[in-house]
Amino acid sequence: MILQRLDGRRPVSFTIPPMTIRSIFKRLGLTSPWSVEVAIALLGLGAGVGLMPVLIFYAGATALGRYEGASLGHLYHSLFVGLGEGSVASWIVFLGPYGLYLLFKALQAWWRAGTHLT
């Protein structure tokens, strides 16, 4: 057992305060609902453009193996060409993370509306 001599002081605490998404947004100065939605939209679109193609490439390379001529740059090129041509698959890759967030919000609103009816 370790004895501490406090001398009227509080003991040193090694706990981290909880980091909720609201506290992070408040720390960034995003307090209005519109600014929070814009920040989440930009975060979702950034994840769709920056993270999703990388995850798709490495998941495909791991599951199926690499094929000749495959590169991450070629994947990005084909996705951006697909955006210009109106390819649904390219739009789903880029808008997917934000679309999942919107789906979650819609399901949450539907759930809350159902609880108010009973």
N, C-alpha and C. Protein backbone atom coordinates (compact mmCIF):
# COMPACT_ATOMS: atom_id res chain seq x y z
N MET A 1 0.84 -1.17 0.00
CA MET A 1 0.00 0.00 0.00
C MET A 1 0.89 1.24 0.00
N ILE A 2 0.53 2.19 -0.83
CA ILE A 2 1.30 3.41 -0.95
C ILE A 2 0.62 4.50 -0.13
N LEU A 3 1.37 5.10 0.76
CA LEU A 3 0.83 6.18 1.58
C LEU A 3 1.21 7.51 0.95
N GLN A 4 0.22 8.40 0.85
CA GLN A 4 0.48 9.72 0.31
C GLN A 4 0.28 10.76 1.39
N ARG A 5 1.13 11.70 1.42
CA ARG A 5 1.01 12.80 2.34
C ARG A 5 0.40 13.96 1.58
N LEU A 6 -0.83 14.34 1.91
CA LEU A 6 -1.55 15.31 1.12
C LEU A 6 -1.26 16.75 1.54
N ASP A 7 -1.03 17.00 2.80
CA ASP A 7 -0.79 18.35 3.30
C ASP A 7 -1.85 19.35 2.83
N GLY A 8 -3.08 18.94 2.81
CA GLY A 8 -4.18 19.83 2.42
C GLY A 8 -4.35 19.98 0.92
N ARG A 9 -3.55 19.31 0.12
CA ARG A 9 -3.67 19.40 -1.33
C ARG A 9 -4.46 18.20 -1.85
N ARG A 10 -5.00 18.39 -3.02
CA ARG A 10 -5.68 17.26 -3.66
C ARG A 10 -4.65 16.30 -4.22
N PRO A 11 -4.95 15.01 -4.21
CA PRO A 11 -4.02 14.06 -4.82
C PRO A 11 -3.99 14.26 -6.35
N VAL A 12 -2.89 13.90 -6.94
CA VAL A 12 -2.74 14.03 -8.38
C VAL A 12 -3.68 13.02 -9.05
N SER A 13 -4.45 13.51 -10.01
CA SER A 13 -5.37 12.65 -10.72
C SER A 13 -4.87 12.43 -12.14
N PHE A 14 -4.92 11.21 -12.58
CA PHE A 14 -4.47 10.87 -13.92
C PHE A 14 -5.64 10.52 -14.82
N THR A 15 -6.80 11.07 -14.57
CA THR A 15 -7.96 10.80 -15.40
C THR A 15 -8.07 11.86 -16.48
N ILE A 16 -8.59 11.46 -17.59
CA ILE A 16 -8.81 12.37 -18.72
C ILE A 16 -10.29 12.70 -18.77
N PRO A 17 -10.65 13.99 -18.90
CA PRO A 17 -12.06 14.33 -18.97
C PRO A 17 -12.69 13.73 -20.23
N PRO A 18 -13.97 13.39 -20.18
CA PRO A 18 -14.60 12.78 -21.35
C PRO A 18 -14.61 13.75 -22.54
N MET A 19 -14.28 13.23 -23.70
CA MET A 19 -14.25 14.04 -24.92
C MET A 19 -15.45 13.67 -25.77
N THR A 20 -16.49 14.44 -25.65
CA THR A 20 -17.64 14.22 -26.50
C THR A 20 -17.49 15.06 -27.75
N ILE A 21 -18.24 14.72 -28.76
CA ILE A 21 -18.16 15.46 -30.00
C ILE A 21 -18.61 16.90 -29.80
N ARG A 22 -19.55 17.12 -28.89
CA ARG A 22 -20.01 18.49 -28.62
C ARG A 22 -18.91 19.33 -27.98
N SER A 23 -18.15 18.73 -27.07
CA SER A 23 -17.07 19.50 -26.44
C SER A 23 -15.97 19.81 -27.45
N ILE A 24 -15.73 18.91 -28.38
CA ILE A 24 -14.73 19.17 -29.41
C ILE A 24 -15.20 20.31 -30.31
N PHE A 25 -16.48 20.28 -30.72
CA PHE A 25 -17.01 21.36 -31.56
C PHE A 25 -17.01 22.69 -30.81
N LYS A 26 -17.34 22.65 -29.52
CA LYS A 26 -17.35 23.88 -28.73
C LYS A 26 -15.93 24.45 -28.63
N ARG A 27 -14.95 23.58 -28.47
CA ARG A 27 -13.57 24.03 -28.39
C ARG A 27 -13.12 24.65 -29.71
N LEU A 28 -13.66 24.17 -30.83
CA LEU A 28 -13.32 24.72 -32.13
C LEU A 28 -14.12 25.98 -32.46
N GLY A 29 -15.07 26.34 -31.60
CA GLY A 29 -15.87 27.53 -31.82
C GLY A 29 -17.11 27.28 -32.65
N LEU A 30 -17.47 26.03 -32.85
CA LEU A 30 -18.65 25.69 -33.63
C LEU A 30 -19.82 25.47 -32.67
N THR A 31 -20.57 26.54 -32.41
CA THR A 31 -21.64 26.44 -31.42
C THR A 31 -23.02 26.43 -32.04
N SER A 32 -23.19 27.01 -33.22
CA SER A 32 -24.53 27.02 -33.82
C SER A 32 -24.77 25.69 -34.53
N PRO A 33 -26.03 25.27 -34.61
CA PRO A 33 -26.32 23.99 -35.28
C PRO A 33 -25.89 23.96 -36.75
N TRP A 34 -25.99 25.09 -37.43
CA TRP A 34 -25.59 25.13 -38.84
C TRP A 34 -24.09 24.95 -39.00
N SER A 35 -23.31 25.58 -38.14
CA SER A 35 -21.87 25.43 -38.26
C SER A 35 -21.43 24.01 -37.94
N VAL A 36 -22.12 23.37 -37.01
CA VAL A 36 -21.81 21.97 -36.69
C VAL A 36 -22.14 21.07 -37.88
N GLU A 37 -23.29 21.30 -38.54
CA GLU A 37 -23.66 20.49 -39.71
C GLU A 37 -22.69 20.70 -40.86
N VAL A 38 -22.25 21.94 -41.06
CA VAL A 38 -21.28 22.20 -42.13
C VAL A 38 -19.96 21.51 -41.81
N ALA A 39 -19.54 21.55 -40.55
CA ALA A 39 -18.29 20.88 -40.17
C ALA A 39 -18.40 19.37 -40.35
N ILE A 40 -19.53 18.80 -40.00
CA ILE A 40 -19.72 17.35 -40.17
C ILE A 40 -19.77 17.00 -41.65
N ALA A 41 -20.42 17.85 -42.47
CA ALA A 41 -20.47 17.60 -43.91
C ALA A 41 -19.07 17.65 -44.51
N LEU A 42 -18.27 18.63 -44.12
CA LEU A 42 -16.91 18.73 -44.63
C LEU A 42 -16.05 17.55 -44.17
N LEU A 43 -16.25 17.13 -42.94
CA LEU A 43 -15.53 15.97 -42.43
C LEU A 43 -15.92 14.70 -43.19
N GLY A 44 -17.22 14.54 -43.45
CA GLY A 44 -17.69 13.37 -44.20
C GLY A 44 -17.20 13.37 -45.63
N LEU A 45 -17.24 14.54 -46.28
CA LEU A 45 -16.75 14.62 -47.65
C LEU A 45 -15.24 14.44 -47.70
N GLY A 46 -14.54 14.95 -46.71
CA GLY A 46 -13.09 14.73 -46.65
C GLY A 46 -12.74 13.26 -46.48
N ALA A 47 -13.53 12.58 -45.65
CA ALA A 47 -13.31 11.13 -45.47
C ALA A 47 -13.63 10.39 -46.76
N GLY A 48 -14.66 10.84 -47.47
CA GLY A 48 -15.02 10.19 -48.73
C GLY A 48 -13.97 10.37 -49.81
N VAL A 49 -13.36 11.53 -49.86
CA VAL A 49 -12.34 11.80 -50.88
C VAL A 49 -10.98 11.26 -50.44
N GLY A 50 -10.63 11.42 -49.17
CA GLY A 50 -9.29 11.06 -48.74
C GLY A 50 -9.13 9.65 -48.22
N LEU A 51 -10.14 9.14 -47.53
CA LEU A 51 -9.98 7.86 -46.83
C LEU A 51 -10.61 6.68 -47.57
N MET A 52 -11.79 6.86 -48.12
CA MET A 52 -12.49 5.74 -48.74
C MET A 52 -11.73 5.09 -49.89
N PRO A 53 -11.16 5.86 -50.85
CA PRO A 53 -10.41 5.18 -51.92
C PRO A 53 -9.20 4.39 -51.39
N VAL A 54 -8.54 4.91 -50.36
CA VAL A 54 -7.40 4.19 -49.78
C VAL A 54 -7.86 2.88 -49.16
N LEU A 55 -8.97 2.94 -48.40
CA LEU A 55 -9.49 1.71 -47.78
C LEU A 55 -9.95 0.71 -48.83
N ILE A 56 -10.60 1.19 -49.88
CA ILE A 56 -11.07 0.30 -50.94
C ILE A 56 -9.88 -0.35 -51.64
N PHE A 57 -8.85 0.43 -51.93
CA PHE A 57 -7.68 -0.11 -52.62
C PHE A 57 -6.99 -1.20 -51.80
N TYR A 58 -6.72 -0.90 -50.53
CA TYR A 58 -5.99 -1.88 -49.72
C TYR A 58 -6.85 -3.08 -49.33
N ALA A 59 -8.15 -2.89 -49.16
CA ALA A 59 -9.02 -4.04 -48.90
C ALA A 59 -9.08 -4.95 -50.13
N GLY A 60 -9.16 -4.36 -51.31
CA GLY A 60 -9.16 -5.16 -52.54
C GLY A 60 -7.84 -5.86 -52.77
N ALA A 61 -6.74 -5.16 -52.49
CA ALA A 61 -5.42 -5.79 -52.68
C ALA A 61 -5.21 -6.92 -51.69
N THR A 62 -5.73 -6.77 -50.48
CA THR A 62 -5.57 -7.82 -49.47
C THR A 62 -6.46 -9.01 -49.79
N ALA A 63 -7.70 -8.75 -50.16
CA ALA A 63 -8.65 -9.84 -50.40
C ALA A 63 -8.41 -10.56 -51.72
N LEU A 64 -8.11 -9.81 -52.77
CA LEU A 64 -8.02 -10.41 -54.10
C LEU A 64 -6.60 -10.47 -54.64
N GLY A 65 -5.69 -9.77 -53.99
CA GLY A 65 -4.32 -9.70 -54.50
C GLY A 65 -4.18 -8.54 -55.48
N ARG A 66 -2.96 -8.08 -55.66
CA ARG A 66 -2.72 -6.97 -56.58
C ARG A 66 -2.69 -7.50 -58.01
N TYR A 67 -3.19 -6.70 -58.90
CA TYR A 67 -3.12 -7.07 -60.30
C TYR A 67 -2.24 -6.07 -61.03
N GLU A 68 -1.85 -6.41 -62.23
CA GLU A 68 -0.90 -5.60 -62.98
C GLU A 68 -1.50 -4.24 -63.32
N GLY A 69 -0.77 -3.21 -63.04
CA GLY A 69 -1.21 -1.85 -63.36
C GLY A 69 -2.05 -1.22 -62.26
N ALA A 70 -2.24 -1.91 -61.16
CA ALA A 70 -3.06 -1.36 -60.08
C ALA A 70 -2.21 -0.42 -59.23
N SER A 71 -2.76 0.74 -58.99
CA SER A 71 -2.09 1.69 -58.09
C SER A 71 -3.16 2.57 -57.47
N LEU A 72 -2.80 3.18 -56.37
CA LEU A 72 -3.72 4.08 -55.69
C LEU A 72 -4.00 5.32 -56.54
N GLY A 73 -2.98 5.81 -57.22
CA GLY A 73 -3.16 6.96 -58.12
C GLY A 73 -4.12 6.65 -59.25
N HIS A 74 -4.03 5.44 -59.80
CA HIS A 74 -4.95 5.05 -60.87
C HIS A 74 -6.38 4.96 -60.35
N LEU A 75 -6.54 4.49 -59.11
CA LEU A 75 -7.87 4.41 -58.52
C LEU A 75 -8.47 5.80 -58.35
N TYR A 76 -7.67 6.74 -57.82
CA TYR A 76 -8.15 8.11 -57.67
C TYR A 76 -8.50 8.71 -59.04
N HIS A 77 -7.66 8.47 -60.03
CA HIS A 77 -7.93 9.00 -61.37
C HIS A 77 -9.25 8.46 -61.92
N SER A 78 -9.46 7.17 -61.78
CA SER A 78 -10.71 6.58 -62.31
C SER A 78 -11.93 7.06 -61.53
N LEU A 79 -11.77 7.31 -60.23
CA LEU A 79 -12.90 7.83 -59.46
C LEU A 79 -13.25 9.25 -59.87
N PHE A 80 -12.24 10.10 -60.09
CA PHE A 80 -12.52 11.47 -60.49
C PHE A 80 -13.05 11.54 -61.92
N VAL A 81 -12.58 10.66 -62.79
CA VAL A 81 -13.15 10.59 -64.14
C VAL A 81 -14.61 10.12 -64.05
N GLY A 82 -14.87 9.17 -63.16
CA GLY A 82 -16.24 8.69 -62.96
C GLY A 82 -17.16 9.78 -62.44
N LEU A 83 -16.64 10.67 -61.59
CA LEU A 83 -17.45 11.80 -61.13
C LEU A 83 -17.85 12.69 -62.30
N GLY A 84 -16.91 12.94 -63.19
CA GLY A 84 -17.19 13.78 -64.35
C GLY A 84 -18.18 13.14 -65.31
N GLU A 85 -18.15 11.82 -65.39
CA GLU A 85 -19.06 11.11 -66.28
C GLU A 85 -20.39 10.77 -65.62
N GLY A 86 -20.52 11.06 -64.35
CA GLY A 86 -21.78 10.78 -63.65
C GLY A 86 -21.91 9.34 -63.19
N SER A 87 -20.81 8.68 -62.92
CA SER A 87 -20.84 7.30 -62.45
C SER A 87 -21.41 7.24 -61.03
N VAL A 88 -22.43 6.41 -60.86
CA VAL A 88 -23.06 6.28 -59.55
C VAL A 88 -22.08 5.69 -58.53
N ALA A 89 -21.24 4.77 -58.97
CA ALA A 89 -20.28 4.15 -58.05
C ALA A 89 -19.29 5.18 -57.51
N SER A 90 -18.82 6.09 -58.33
CA SER A 90 -17.90 7.12 -57.87
C SER A 90 -18.56 8.06 -56.88
N TRP A 91 -19.79 8.43 -57.17
CA TRP A 91 -20.51 9.32 -56.26
C TRP A 91 -20.78 8.63 -54.93
N ILE A 92 -21.07 7.34 -54.95
CA ILE A 92 -21.31 6.61 -53.69
C ILE A 92 -20.04 6.54 -52.86
N VAL A 93 -18.89 6.35 -53.51
CA VAL A 93 -17.63 6.29 -52.77
C VAL A 93 -17.36 7.62 -52.09
N PHE A 94 -17.54 8.72 -52.82
CA PHE A 94 -17.22 10.03 -52.26
C PHE A 94 -18.25 10.53 -51.27
N LEU A 95 -19.52 10.27 -51.51
CA LEU A 95 -20.58 10.76 -50.62
C LEU A 95 -21.00 9.76 -49.57
N GLY A 96 -20.41 8.56 -49.58
CA GLY A 96 -20.80 7.49 -48.66
C GLY A 96 -20.71 7.83 -47.19
N PRO A 97 -19.60 8.35 -46.69
CA PRO A 97 -19.53 8.65 -45.25
C PRO A 97 -20.56 9.69 -44.81
N TYR A 98 -20.75 10.74 -45.59
CA TYR A 98 -21.75 11.74 -45.22
C TYR A 98 -23.16 11.18 -45.37
N GLY A 99 -23.36 10.33 -46.36
CA GLY A 99 -24.67 9.69 -46.53
C GLY A 99 -25.01 8.78 -45.36
N LEU A 100 -24.03 8.07 -44.82
CA LEU A 100 -24.27 7.24 -43.64
C LEU A 100 -24.61 8.09 -42.43
N TYR A 101 -23.96 9.24 -42.31
CA TYR A 101 -24.30 10.16 -41.21
C TYR A 101 -25.75 10.64 -41.35
N LEU A 102 -26.15 11.01 -42.57
CA LEU A 102 -27.52 11.47 -42.78
C LEU A 102 -28.53 10.35 -42.53
N LEU A 103 -28.18 9.14 -42.92
CA LEU A 103 -29.06 8.00 -42.65
C LEU A 103 -29.20 7.78 -41.15
N PHE A 104 -28.10 7.88 -40.42
CA PHE A 104 -28.15 7.74 -38.96
C PHE A 104 -29.04 8.82 -38.35
N LYS A 105 -28.91 10.06 -38.80
CA LYS A 105 -29.73 11.16 -38.28
C LYS A 105 -31.21 10.92 -38.59
N ALA A 106 -31.51 10.44 -39.79
CA ALA A 106 -32.90 10.18 -40.16
C ALA A 106 -33.49 9.05 -39.31
N LEU A 107 -32.73 7.99 -39.10
CA LEU A 107 -33.21 6.89 -38.26
C LEU A 107 -33.39 7.32 -36.82
N GLN A 108 -32.51 8.18 -36.34
CA GLN A 108 -32.62 8.71 -34.99
C GLN A 108 -33.88 9.58 -34.86
N ALA A 109 -34.15 10.41 -35.84
CA ALA A 109 -35.37 11.24 -35.81
C ALA A 109 -36.61 10.38 -35.90
N TRP A 110 -36.58 9.33 -36.72
CA TRP A 110 -37.72 8.43 -36.85
C TRP A 110 -37.97 7.69 -35.53
N TRP A 111 -36.88 7.26 -34.88
CA TRP A 111 -37.00 6.57 -33.60
C TRP A 111 -37.62 7.50 -32.56
N ARG A 112 -37.15 8.73 -32.49
CA ARG A 112 -37.68 9.67 -31.51
C ARG A 112 -39.12 10.04 -31.80
N ALA A 113 -39.47 10.15 -33.07
CA ALA A 113 -40.86 10.46 -33.43
C ALA A 113 -41.77 9.30 -33.04
N GLY A 114 -41.28 8.07 -33.17
CA GLY A 114 -42.09 6.92 -32.79
C GLY A 114 -42.30 6.82 -31.29
N THR A 115 -41.35 7.27 -30.50
CA THR A 115 -41.50 7.21 -29.06
C THR A 115 -42.47 8.28 -28.57
N HIS A 116 -42.61 9.39 -29.29
CA HIS A 116 -43.53 10.44 -28.88
C HIS A 116 -44.98 10.09 -29.21
N LEU A 117 -45.21 9.16 -30.14
CA LEU A 117 -46.56 8.79 -30.54
C LEU A 117 -47.23 7.85 -29.56
N THR A 118 -46.44 7.08 -28.82
CA THR A 118 -47.04 6.11 -27.91
C THR A 118 -47.30 6.68 -26.55
